[in-house]
Amino acid sequence: MSEIVAIVALLAVFGFFRWPGRGAPEVGALKRTVRDLQRELEVTQTELDQQRQQVAELAERLDFAERRLVQMQSGKPLPPPSA
């Protein structure tokens, strides 16, 4: 949540928002912008979680392949995976 507040503050500083009338921000526009930023942050977090899962799965596959190569080269049984 603090990231969203920081982003909104930066957008306000750089003139992203239109300040009608006496300089007061349009509350509806601010709410829409914050909601949009929240949605974008949630989508990004979901994508990051998926990528982390994929990296973990690839690491497991690589570990298995390395253990399999060791087994094939030494003629010994496959060592157990490290915990």
N, C-alpha and C. Protein backbone atom coordinates (compact mmCIF):
# COMPACT_ATOMS: atom_id res chain seq x y z
N MET A 1 0.82 -1.19 0.00
CA MET A 1 0.00 0.00 0.00
C MET A 1 0.86 1.25 0.00
N SER A 2 1.98 1.22 0.72
CA SER A 2 2.85 2.39 0.76
C SER A 2 3.44 2.66 -0.62
N GLU A 3 3.64 1.59 -1.44
CA GLU A 3 4.15 1.80 -2.78
C GLU A 3 3.16 2.60 -3.62
N ILE A 4 1.89 2.31 -3.44
CA ILE A 4 0.85 3.01 -4.20
C ILE A 4 0.80 4.47 -3.80
N VAL A 5 0.89 4.74 -2.51
CA VAL A 5 0.87 6.12 -2.04
C VAL A 5 2.05 6.87 -2.61
N ALA A 6 3.22 6.23 -2.64
CA ALA A 6 4.42 6.87 -3.18
C ALA A 6 4.26 7.16 -4.67
N ILE A 7 3.68 6.23 -5.41
CA ILE A 7 3.47 6.42 -6.85
C ILE A 7 2.50 7.57 -7.09
N VAL A 8 1.41 7.60 -6.34
CA VAL A 8 0.43 8.67 -6.50
C VAL A 8 1.07 10.01 -6.17
N ALA A 9 1.87 10.06 -5.13
CA ALA A 9 2.55 11.31 -4.76
C ALA A 9 3.48 11.77 -5.87
N LEU A 10 4.22 10.84 -6.46
CA LEU A 10 5.12 11.20 -7.55
C LEU A 10 4.35 11.69 -8.77
N LEU A 11 3.25 11.04 -9.07
CA LEU A 11 2.43 11.47 -10.20
C LEU A 11 1.89 12.88 -9.97
N ALA A 12 1.50 13.17 -8.75
CA ALA A 12 1.00 14.50 -8.43
C ALA A 12 2.09 15.54 -8.57
N VAL A 13 3.29 15.20 -8.11
CA VAL A 13 4.42 16.14 -8.20
C VAL A 13 4.75 16.45 -9.65
N PHE A 14 4.72 15.45 -10.51
CA PHE A 14 5.07 15.66 -11.90
C PHE A 14 3.90 16.12 -12.77
N GLY A 15 2.82 16.50 -12.15
CA GLY A 15 1.70 17.10 -12.88
C GLY A 15 0.84 16.13 -13.65
N PHE A 16 0.79 14.88 -13.24
CA PHE A 16 -0.03 13.89 -13.93
C PHE A 16 -1.51 14.20 -13.78
N PHE A 17 -1.89 14.69 -12.60
CA PHE A 17 -3.28 14.97 -12.32
C PHE A 17 -3.64 16.39 -12.74
N ARG A 18 -4.85 16.56 -13.15
CA ARG A 18 -5.35 17.91 -13.45
C ARG A 18 -5.96 18.47 -12.18
N TRP A 19 -5.63 19.67 -11.87
CA TRP A 19 -6.10 20.31 -10.64
C TRP A 19 -7.14 21.37 -10.99
N PRO A 20 -8.43 21.00 -11.05
CA PRO A 20 -9.47 21.96 -11.43
C PRO A 20 -9.74 22.97 -10.30
N GLY A 21 -10.28 24.10 -10.68
CA GLY A 21 -10.74 25.08 -9.69
C GLY A 21 -9.61 25.68 -8.87
N ARG A 22 -9.75 25.60 -7.55
CA ARG A 22 -8.81 26.24 -6.64
C ARG A 22 -7.59 25.38 -6.32
N GLY A 23 -7.24 24.48 -7.18
CA GLY A 23 -6.06 23.68 -6.95
C GLY A 23 -6.33 22.36 -6.23
N ALA A 24 -7.58 22.08 -5.91
CA ALA A 24 -7.91 20.82 -5.23
C ALA A 24 -7.99 19.70 -6.26
N PRO A 25 -7.42 18.54 -5.95
CA PRO A 25 -7.49 17.44 -6.91
C PRO A 25 -8.90 16.91 -7.04
N GLU A 26 -9.20 16.39 -8.22
CA GLU A 26 -10.50 15.76 -8.43
C GLU A 26 -10.45 14.38 -7.77
N VAL A 27 -11.24 14.22 -6.74
CA VAL A 27 -11.20 13.00 -5.92
C VAL A 27 -11.52 11.76 -6.76
N GLY A 28 -12.48 11.88 -7.62
CA GLY A 28 -12.85 10.74 -8.46
C GLY A 28 -11.70 10.28 -9.34
N ALA A 29 -10.98 11.24 -9.92
CA ALA A 29 -9.84 10.90 -10.77
C ALA A 29 -8.73 10.24 -9.94
N LEU A 30 -8.51 10.76 -8.75
CA LEU A 30 -7.49 10.17 -7.87
C LEU A 30 -7.85 8.73 -7.51
N LYS A 31 -9.13 8.50 -7.18
CA LYS A 31 -9.57 7.16 -6.81
C LYS A 31 -9.41 6.20 -7.98
N ARG A 32 -9.78 6.67 -9.18
CA ARG A 32 -9.64 5.82 -10.37
C ARG A 32 -8.17 5.49 -10.61
N THR A 33 -7.30 6.48 -10.46
CA THR A 33 -5.88 6.27 -10.68
C THR A 33 -5.32 5.29 -9.65
N VAL A 34 -5.70 5.44 -8.42
CA VAL A 34 -5.22 4.53 -7.37
C VAL A 34 -5.73 3.11 -7.64
N ARG A 35 -6.98 2.97 -8.04
CA ARG A 35 -7.53 1.64 -8.35
C ARG A 35 -6.77 1.01 -9.52
N ASP A 36 -6.49 1.83 -10.55
CA ASP A 36 -5.74 1.33 -11.70
C ASP A 36 -4.35 0.87 -11.28
N LEU A 37 -3.71 1.65 -10.45
CA LEU A 37 -2.37 1.29 -9.96
C LEU A 37 -2.42 0.02 -9.11
N GLN A 38 -3.46 -0.12 -8.29
CA GLN A 38 -3.60 -1.32 -7.47
C GLN A 38 -3.78 -2.55 -8.35
N ARG A 39 -4.61 -2.43 -9.38
CA ARG A 39 -4.82 -3.56 -10.30
C ARG A 39 -3.52 -3.93 -11.00
N GLU A 40 -2.79 -2.92 -11.46
CA GLU A 40 -1.53 -3.17 -12.15
C GLU A 40 -0.52 -3.83 -11.21
N LEU A 41 -0.48 -3.38 -9.97
CA LEU A 41 0.41 -3.98 -8.98
C LEU A 41 0.03 -5.43 -8.70
N GLU A 42 -1.26 -5.72 -8.60
CA GLU A 42 -1.72 -7.09 -8.36
C GLU A 42 -1.36 -8.00 -9.53
N VAL A 43 -1.55 -7.51 -10.76
CA VAL A 43 -1.21 -8.30 -11.94
C VAL A 43 0.29 -8.58 -11.97
N THR A 44 1.09 -7.55 -11.68
CA THR A 44 2.53 -7.71 -11.66
C THR A 44 2.96 -8.71 -10.59
N GLN A 45 2.33 -8.64 -9.43
CA GLN A 45 2.66 -9.57 -8.34
C GLN A 45 2.31 -11.00 -8.72
N THR A 46 1.17 -11.19 -9.37
CA THR A 46 0.76 -12.52 -9.83
C THR A 46 1.76 -13.07 -10.84
N GLU A 47 2.16 -12.23 -11.79
CA GLU A 47 3.13 -12.66 -12.79
C GLU A 47 4.47 -13.02 -12.13
N LEU A 48 4.89 -12.23 -11.17
CA LEU A 48 6.14 -12.50 -10.46
C LEU A 48 6.06 -13.83 -9.70
N ASP A 49 4.93 -14.07 -9.05
CA ASP A 49 4.74 -15.34 -8.33
C ASP A 49 4.81 -16.53 -9.29
N GLN A 50 4.21 -16.39 -10.48
CA GLN A 50 4.24 -17.46 -11.47
C GLN A 50 5.67 -17.71 -11.95
N GLN A 51 6.41 -16.63 -12.17
CA GLN A 51 7.79 -16.78 -12.62
C GLN A 51 8.66 -17.42 -11.54
N ARG A 52 8.42 -17.07 -10.30
CA ARG A 52 9.16 -17.70 -9.20
C ARG A 52 8.89 -19.21 -9.17
N GLN A 53 7.63 -19.59 -9.37
CA GLN A 53 7.27 -21.00 -9.39
C GLN A 53 7.96 -21.72 -10.55
N GLN A 54 7.99 -21.09 -11.71
CA GLN A 54 8.65 -21.69 -12.86
C GLN A 54 10.14 -21.87 -12.62
N VAL A 55 10.77 -20.89 -12.01
CA VAL A 55 12.21 -20.98 -11.70
C VAL A 55 12.45 -22.13 -10.71
N ALA A 56 11.59 -22.26 -9.72
CA ALA A 56 11.74 -23.34 -8.75
C ALA A 56 11.60 -24.71 -9.43
N GLU A 57 10.64 -24.83 -10.34
CA GLU A 57 10.45 -26.09 -11.06
C GLU A 57 11.64 -26.39 -11.95
N LEU A 58 12.17 -25.37 -12.62
CA LEU A 58 13.34 -25.57 -13.47
C LEU A 58 14.56 -25.97 -12.64
N ALA A 59 14.70 -25.41 -11.46
CA ALA A 59 15.81 -25.77 -10.58
C ALA A 59 15.70 -27.23 -10.17
N GLU A 60 14.49 -27.69 -9.88
CA GLU A 60 14.29 -29.11 -9.53
C GLU A 60 14.65 -30.01 -10.71
N ARG A 61 14.25 -29.62 -11.90
CA ARG A 61 14.56 -30.43 -13.09
C ARG A 61 16.06 -30.48 -13.34
N LEU A 62 16.72 -29.33 -13.17
CA LEU A 62 18.16 -29.29 -13.36
C LEU A 62 18.86 -30.17 -12.34
N ASP A 63 18.41 -30.11 -11.10
CA ASP A 63 18.98 -30.95 -10.05
C ASP A 63 18.83 -32.43 -10.40
N PHE A 64 17.64 -32.80 -10.87
CA PHE A 64 17.41 -34.19 -11.25
C PHE A 64 18.33 -34.60 -12.40
N ALA A 65 18.44 -33.73 -13.41
CA ALA A 65 19.28 -34.05 -14.56
C ALA A 65 20.74 -34.21 -14.15
N GLU A 66 21.22 -33.35 -13.26
CA GLU A 66 22.60 -33.45 -12.77
C GLU A 66 22.81 -34.77 -12.02
N ARG A 67 21.85 -35.13 -11.15
CA ARG A 67 21.97 -36.38 -10.41
C ARG A 67 21.93 -37.58 -11.35
N ARG A 68 21.10 -37.48 -12.38
CA ARG A 68 21.00 -38.57 -13.36
C ARG A 68 22.31 -38.74 -14.12
N LEU A 69 22.95 -37.64 -14.50
CA LEU A 69 24.24 -37.70 -15.19
C LEU A 69 25.30 -38.34 -14.30
N VAL A 70 25.30 -37.96 -13.03
CA VAL A 70 26.25 -38.56 -12.09
C VAL A 70 26.02 -40.06 -12.01
N GLN A 71 24.79 -40.47 -11.94
CA GLN A 71 24.45 -41.89 -11.87
C GLN A 71 24.94 -42.62 -13.11
N MET A 72 24.70 -42.03 -14.27
CA MET A 72 25.08 -42.68 -15.52
C MET A 72 26.61 -42.78 -15.65
N GLN A 73 27.33 -41.77 -15.20
CA GLN A 73 28.78 -41.76 -15.31
C GLN A 73 29.45 -42.69 -14.31
N SER A 74 28.89 -42.81 -13.12
CA SER A 74 29.54 -43.60 -12.09
C SER A 74 28.99 -45.02 -11.97
N GLY A 75 27.85 -45.26 -12.54
CA GLY A 75 27.23 -46.57 -12.43
C GLY A 75 26.62 -46.81 -11.06
N LYS A 76 26.55 -45.78 -10.24
CA LYS A 76 25.96 -45.89 -8.91
C LYS A 76 24.48 -45.52 -8.97
N PRO A 77 23.74 -45.93 -7.94
CA PRO A 77 22.33 -45.55 -7.91
C PRO A 77 22.18 -44.02 -7.76
N LEU A 78 21.05 -43.54 -8.19
CA LEU A 78 20.77 -42.11 -8.15
C LEU A 78 20.77 -41.61 -6.71
N PRO A 79 21.59 -40.59 -6.40
CA PRO A 79 21.58 -40.07 -5.03
C PRO A 79 20.26 -39.36 -4.72
N PRO A 80 19.86 -39.35 -3.44
CA PRO A 80 18.60 -38.69 -3.09
C PRO A 80 18.72 -37.18 -3.28
N PRO A 81 17.62 -36.52 -3.58
CA PRO A 81 17.67 -35.06 -3.75
C PRO A 81 17.99 -34.38 -2.42
N SER A 82 18.69 -33.25 -2.50
CA SER A 82 19.00 -32.52 -1.27
C SER A 82 17.76 -31.79 -0.80
N ALA A 83 17.57 -31.73 0.50
CA ALA A 83 16.37 -31.13 1.07
C ALA A 83 16.52 -29.65 1.25
